[in-house]
C-alpha atoms as a PDB file:
ATOM      1  CA  MET A   1      24.989 141.334  79.302  1.00  0.00           C
ATOM      2  CA  LEU A   2      26.346 144.765  80.477  1.00  0.00           C
ATOM      3  CA  VAL A   3      23.063 145.627  82.457  1.00  0.00           C
ATOM      4  CA  SER A   4      24.040 143.683  85.257  1.00  0.00           C
ATOM      5  CA  CYS A   5      26.868 145.823  85.566  1.00  0.00           C
ATOM      6  CA  GLY A   6      24.954 148.912  85.972  1.00  0.00           C
ATOM      7  CA  GLY A   7      22.228 149.844  88.713  1.00  0.00           C
ATOM      8  CA  ASN A   8      20.710 151.978  91.328  1.00  0.00           C
ATOM      9  CA  ASP A   9      21.777 149.523  94.369  1.00  0.00           C
ATOM     10  CA  SER A  10      22.918 151.318  97.045  1.00  0.00           C
ATOM     11  CA  ARG A  11      25.269 148.598  98.639  1.00  0.00           C
ATOM     12  CA  TYR A  12      27.479 148.851  95.802  1.00  0.00           C
ATOM     13  CA  ARG A  13      27.903 152.599  96.067  1.00  0.00           C
ATOM     14  CA  ASP A  14      28.724 153.052  99.676  1.00  0.00           C
ATOM     15  CA  THR A  15      32.454 152.654 100.027  1.00  0.00           C
ATOM     16  CA  GLN A  16      32.581 153.182 103.849  1.00  0.00           C
ATOM     17  CA  MET A  17      32.597 149.824 104.870  1.00  0.00           C
ATOM     18  CA  LEU A  18      35.458 148.727 102.729  1.00  0.00           C
ATOM     19  CA  GLU A  19      38.959 148.195 104.227  1.00  0.00           C
ATOM     20  CA  ARG A  20      41.257 150.707 104.116  1.00  0.00           C
ATOM     21  CA  PRO A  21      45.079 150.763 104.246  1.00  0.00           C
ATOM     22  CA  PRO A  22      46.672 151.782 107.762  1.00  0.00           C
ATOM     23  CA  THR A  23      48.233 155.350 107.941  1.00  0.00           C
ATOM     24  CA  LEU A  24      52.181 155.045 108.199  1.00  0.00           C
ATOM     25  CA  ALA A  25      53.988 157.787 110.130  1.00  0.00           C
ATOM     26  CA  VAL A  26      56.616 159.268 107.265  1.00  0.00           C
ATOM     27  CA  SER A  27      59.918 160.551 109.164  1.00  0.00           C
ATOM     28  CA  LYS A  28      61.930 161.163 106.228  1.00  0.00           C
ATOM     29  CA  LYS A  29      61.958 164.749 105.188  1.00  0.00           C
ATOM     30  CA  ALA A  30      61.635 165.965 101.769  1.00  0.00           C
ATOM     31  CA  GLY A  31      64.814 165.639  99.493  1.00  0.00           C
ATOM     32  CA  GLU A  32      66.149 163.033 102.086  1.00  0.00           C
ATOM     33  CA  GLU A  33      67.344 159.832 100.510  1.00  0.00           C
ATOM     34  CA  SER A  34      66.750 156.507 101.971  1.00  0.00           C
ATOM     35  CA  ARG A  35      68.631 153.556 102.036  1.00  0.00           C
ATOM     36  CA  ILE A  36      67.801 150.048 103.325  1.00  0.00           C
ATOM     37  CA  ILE A  37      70.313 147.781 104.286  1.00  0.00           C
ATOM     38  CA  ASP A  38      69.589 144.369 103.443  1.00  0.00           C
ATOM     39  CA  ASN A  39      71.911 141.754 105.880  1.00  0.00           C
ATOM     40  CA  SER A  40      70.194 138.351 104.452  1.00  0.00           C
ATOM     41  CA  THR A  41      72.124 135.834 102.854  1.00  0.00           C
ATOM     42  CA  ILE A  42      71.265 133.831  99.903  1.00  0.00           C
ATOM     43  CA  PRO A  43      72.347 130.023 100.358  1.00  0.00           C
ATOM     44  CA  LYS A  44      74.979 129.304  97.648  1.00  0.00           C
ATOM     45  CA  LYS A  45      74.345 126.190  95.233  1.00  0.00           C
ATOM     46  CA  ARG A  46      77.110 123.682  96.219  1.00  0.00           C
ATOM     47  CA  ASP A  47      79.323 123.754  93.349  1.00  0.00           C
ATOM     48  CA  GLU A  48      81.073 120.443  94.724  1.00  0.00           C
ATOM     49  CA  THR A  49      79.571 117.303  92.726  1.00  0.00           C
ATOM     50  CA  GLY A  50      81.382 114.758  95.255  1.00  0.00           C
ATOM     51  CA  LEU A  51      80.313 113.485  98.660  1.00  0.00           C
ATOM     52  CA  GLY A  52      82.709 116.323 100.152  1.00  0.00           C
ATOM     53  CA  SER A  53      83.603 115.501 103.700  1.00  0.00           C
ATOM     54  CA  ASP A  54      81.396 112.360 103.745  1.00  0.00           C
ATOM     55  CA  VAL A  55      84.333 110.365 102.608  1.00  0.00           C
ATOM     56  CA  TYR A  56      87.662 109.975 104.206  1.00  0.00           C
ATOM     57  CA  MET A  57      90.534 107.703 104.222  1.00  0.00           C
ATOM     58  CA  ILE A  58      92.156 105.809 106.910  1.00  0.00           C
ATOM     59  CA  GLU A  59      95.913 104.902 106.125  1.00  0.00           C
ATOM     60  CA  SER A  60      96.290 101.608 108.232  1.00  0.00           C
ATOM     61  CA  THR A  61      97.365  98.207 107.202  1.00  0.00           C
ATOM     62  CA  PRO A  62      95.470  97.593 105.156  1.00  0.00           C
ATOM     63  CA  MET A  63      94.328 100.787 104.025  1.00  0.00           C
ATOM     64  CA  GLN A  64      90.469 101.790 104.280  1.00  0.00           C
ATOM     65  CA  LEU A  65      88.070 104.130 102.408  1.00  0.00           C
ATOM     66  CA  ARG A  66      85.117 105.179 104.777  1.00  0.00           C
ATOM     67  CA  ILE A  67      81.723 106.481 103.420  1.00  0.00           C
ATOM     68  CA  LYS A  68      79.738 108.196 105.939  1.00  0.00           C
ATOM     69  CA  LYS A  69      76.386 106.654 104.725  1.00  0.00           C
ATOM     70  CA  PRO A  70      74.710 103.151 104.990  1.00  0.00           C
ATOM     71  CA  PHE A  71      75.676 100.059 103.111  1.00  0.00           C
ATOM     72  CA  ASP A  72      72.992 100.544  99.992  1.00  0.00           C
ATOM     73  CA  TYR A  73      73.806 104.212  99.226  1.00  0.00           C
ATOM     74  CA  ALA A  74      77.688 103.274  99.520  1.00  0.00           C
ATOM     75  CA  TRP A  75      77.145 100.567  97.341  1.00  0.00           C
ATOM     76  CA  GLN A  76      75.407 102.707  94.703  1.00  0.00           C
ATOM     77  CA  VAL A  77      77.902 105.467  94.972  1.00  0.00           C
ATOM     78  CA  LEU A  78      81.006 103.260  94.837  1.00  0.00           C
ATOM     79  CA  GLY A  79      79.530 101.766  91.499  1.00  0.00           C
ATOM     80  CA  MET A  80      79.089 105.414  90.033  1.00  0.00           C
ATOM     81  CA  ALA A  81      82.917 106.137  91.086  1.00  0.00           C
ATOM     82  CA  LEU A  82      84.369 102.964  89.416  1.00  0.00           C
ATOM     83  CA  LYS A  83      82.474 103.301  86.147  1.00  0.00           C
ATOM     84  CA  GLN A  84      83.679 107.201  86.289  1.00  0.00           C
ATOM     85  CA  SER A  85      87.077 106.241  87.010  1.00  0.00           C
ATOM     86  CA  HIS A  86      86.957 103.939  84.093  1.00  0.00           C
ATOM     87  CA  ILE A  87      87.907 101.032  86.147  1.00  0.00           C
ATOM     88  CA  LYS A  88      86.328  97.880  84.767  1.00  0.00           C
ATOM     89  CA  ILE A  89      84.032  95.714  87.079  1.00  0.00           C
ATOM     90  CA  THR A  90      84.293  91.926  85.805  1.00  0.00           C
ATOM     91  CA  ASP A  91      81.590  90.907  88.436  1.00  0.00           C
ATOM     92  CA  HIS A  92      79.773  92.047  91.737  1.00  0.00           C
ATOM     93  CA  ARG A  93      77.897  90.243  94.500  1.00  0.00           C
ATOM     94  CA  GLN A  94      76.067  93.021  96.668  1.00  0.00           C
ATOM     95  CA  ASP A  95      74.405  90.263  99.132  1.00  0.00           C
ATOM     96  CA  LYS A  96      78.233  89.407 100.153  1.00  0.00           C
ATOM     97  CA  GLY A  97      79.670  93.335  99.422  1.00  0.00           C
ATOM     98  CA  LEU A  98      82.311  92.163  96.977  1.00  0.00           C
ATOM     99  CA  TYR A  99      83.187  93.895  93.484  1.00  0.00           C
ATOM    100  CA  TYR A 100      85.512  92.279  91.201  1.00  0.00           C
ATOM    101  CA  VAL A 101      87.592  94.886  89.375  1.00  0.00           C
ATOM    102  CA  TYR A 102      90.611  95.121  87.005  1.00  0.00           C
ATOM    103  CA  TYR A 103      92.834  98.123  87.997  1.00  0.00           C
ATOM    104  CA  LYS A 104      96.417  98.461  86.668  1.00  0.00           C
ATOM    105  CA  GLN A 105      97.984 101.732  87.853  1.00  0.00           C
ATOM    106  CA  LYS A 106      99.124 103.766  84.760  1.00  0.00           C
ATOM    107  CA  SER A 107     102.654 104.884  84.525  1.00  0.00           C
ATOM    108  CA  LEU A 108     103.395 108.071  82.832  1.00  0.00           C
ATOM    109  CA  PHE A 109     104.646 105.570  79.772  1.00  0.00           C
ATOM    110  CA  ASP A 110     101.345 103.868  79.823  1.00  0.00           C
ATOM    111  CA  SER A 111      99.705 107.121  79.393  1.00  0.00           C
ATOM    112  CA  ALA A 112     101.386 108.171  76.444  1.00  0.00           C
ATOM    113  CA  VAL A 113     100.904 104.518  74.659  1.00  0.00           C
ATOM    114  CA  SER A 114      97.433 104.723  75.249  1.00  0.00           C
ATOM    115  CA  LEU A 115      96.934 108.027  73.457  1.00  0.00           C
ATOM    116  CA  PHE A 116      97.967 106.367  70.142  1.00  0.00           C
ATOM    117  CA  LYS A 117      96.038 103.109  70.655  1.00  0.00           C
ATOM    118  CA  LYS A 118      92.357 103.306  69.583  1.00  0.00           C
ATOM    119  CA  ASN A 119      90.240 101.741  72.435  1.00  0.00           C
ATOM    120  CA  GLN A 120      92.384  98.585  71.943  1.00  0.00           C
ATOM    121  CA  GLU A 121      92.389  98.087  75.794  1.00  0.00           C
ATOM    122  CA  ASN A 122      88.432  98.757  76.202  1.00  0.00           C
ATOM    123  CA  ASP A 123      88.376  95.560  73.755  1.00  0.00           C
ATOM    124  CA  GLU A 124      90.474  93.515  75.550  1.00  0.00           C
ATOM    125  CA  HIS A 125      89.078  90.978  78.058  1.00  0.00           C
ATOM    126  CA  HIS A 126      90.765  91.245  81.744  1.00  0.00           C
ATOM    127  CA  GLU A 127      90.096  89.014  84.490  1.00  0.00           C
ATOM    128  CA  ALA A 128      89.488  90.766  87.685  1.00  0.00           C
ATOM    129  CA  ASN A 129      92.808  91.719  89.953  1.00  0.00           C
ATOM    130  CA  TYR A 130      91.043  93.279  92.880  1.00  0.00           C
ATOM    131  CA  GLU A 131      88.369  92.575  95.401  1.00  0.00           C
ATOM    132  CA  LEU A 132      86.845  95.467  96.585  1.00  0.00           C
ATOM    133  CA  THR A 133      85.241  94.354  99.836  1.00  0.00           C
ATOM    134  CA  VAL A 134      82.206  96.630 101.115  1.00  0.00           C
ATOM    135  CA  LYS A 135      80.796  96.357 104.736  1.00  0.00           C
ATOM    136  CA  GLU A 136      78.477  98.191 106.769  1.00  0.00           C
ATOM    137  CA  ASP A 137      80.399  99.618 109.868  1.00  0.00           C
ATOM    138  CA  LYS A 138      77.606 101.322 112.431  1.00  0.00           C
ATOM    139  CA  ALA A 139      76.683 104.523 110.717  1.00  0.00           C
ATOM    140  CA  GLU A 140      79.480 104.178 108.305  1.00  0.00           C
ATOM    141  CA  THR A 141      80.542 101.935 105.216  1.00  0.00           C
ATOM    142  CA  LYS A 142      83.889 100.549 104.988  1.00  0.00           C
ATOM    143  CA  VAL A 143      86.038  99.797 101.466  1.00  0.00           C
ATOM    144  CA  LEU A 144      89.095  97.551 101.409  1.00  0.00           C
ATOM    145  CA  ALA A 145      90.756  96.476  98.154  1.00  0.00           C
ATOM    146  CA  THR A 146      92.694  93.160  98.140  1.00  0.00           C
ATOM    147  CA  PRO A 147      94.858  91.913  95.321  1.00  0.00           C
ATOM    148  CA  LEU A 148      93.207  88.763  94.134  1.00  0.00           C
ATOM    149  CA  ASN A 149      96.605  86.760  93.639  1.00  0.00           C
ATOM    150  CA  ALA A 150      97.746  87.757  97.031  1.00  0.00           C
ATOM    151  CA  ALA A 151      96.334  84.303  98.680  1.00  0.00           C
ATOM    152  CA  GLU A 152      98.503  82.527  96.067  1.00  0.00           C
ATOM    153  CA  GLN A 153     101.895  84.349  96.845  1.00  0.00           C
ATOM    154  CA  ASP A 154     104.350  83.146  99.115  1.00  0.00           C
ATOM    155  CA  SER A 155     105.708  86.809  99.824  1.00  0.00           C
ATOM    156  CA  TYR A 156     103.627  89.819 100.502  1.00  0.00           C
ATOM    157  CA  ASP A 157     104.080  92.001  97.210  1.00  0.00           C
ATOM    158  CA  ASN A 158     104.526  95.694  97.687  1.00  0.00           C
ATOM    159  CA  ALA A 159     103.648  96.177  94.127  1.00  0.00           C
ATOM    160  CA  ALA A 160     100.268  94.961  94.661  1.00  0.00           C
ATOM    161  CA  THR A 161      99.918  96.639  97.794  1.00  0.00           C
ATOM    162  CA  SER A 162     100.792 100.309  96.267  1.00  0.00           C
ATOM    163  CA  ASP A 163      98.354  99.502  93.596  1.00  0.00           C
ATOM    164  CA  ALA A 164      95.482  98.551  95.922  1.00  0.00           C
ATOM    165  CA  GLU A 165      96.388 101.978  97.759  1.00  0.00           C
ATOM    166  CA  ALA A 166      96.513 103.833  94.339  1.00  0.00           C
ATOM    167  CA  LEU A 167      93.186 101.974  93.640  1.00  0.00           C
ATOM    168  CA  LEU A 168      91.428 103.311  96.825  1.00  0.00           C
ATOM    169  CA  TRP A 169      92.922 106.724  96.519  1.00  0.00           C
ATOM    170  CA  LEU A 170      91.745 106.972  92.795  1.00  0.00           C
ATOM    171  CA  LEU A 171      88.274 105.697  94.251  1.00  0.00           C
ATOM    172  CA  TYR A 172      88.396 108.515  97.069  1.00  0.00           C
ATOM    173  CA  LYS A 173      89.154 111.431  94.917  1.00  0.00           C
ATOM    174  CA  THR A 174      86.554 110.692  92.506  1.00  0.00           C
ATOM    175  CA  LEU A 175      83.795 110.269  95.259  1.00  0.00           C
ATOM    176  CA  HIS A 176      85.210 113.191  96.944  1.00  0.00           C
ATOM    177  CA  ASP A 177      85.504 115.630  94.330  1.00  0.00           C
ATOM    178  CA  ASP A 178      84.309 114.619  90.981  1.00  0.00           C
ATOM    179  CA  LEU A 179      81.429 111.991  91.581  1.00  0.00           C
ATOM    180  CA  LYS A 180      78.530 113.060  88.839  1.00  0.00           C
ATOM    181  CA  GLU A 181      74.914 111.818  89.470  1.00  0.00           C
ATOM    182  CA  GLU A 182      73.875 109.652  86.507  1.00  0.00           C
END
């Protein structure tokens, strides 16, 4: 087997035709220290888990949450934000761009009481009290929150409006900072 490695063929002994590395001029004197300055940067990994500047609020009447993404993507991330914010989705109609959700703004007392209850609120059945309307608006998608009982009321209910705004602000914070991929 090793017979093929050895032989008297002169083609393999002549190394004049092999490529040689170029000769570099040395500008460094003996004993001199050389330093190479590296100005390159490594792109940092994005620490944020949310959408960041791709989501913003418009404080108008009614208040609007805006997502700088097309409808299908906005629908998906809004659904993830609702789940991560522990807002109960009672129904949804993607073809009409509607989420029906149950949301109750918790006071400090409600938060303290919920610590002592063991998942009772999750076991209770709640009817939807807000309708989230998701509409494509040019290159963005807008989200509006409307109390479902607003049409039945004769007077404009400020508490329901403030809860709708609180719902949108909660979704904004989740989408902007805390959205985690599932």
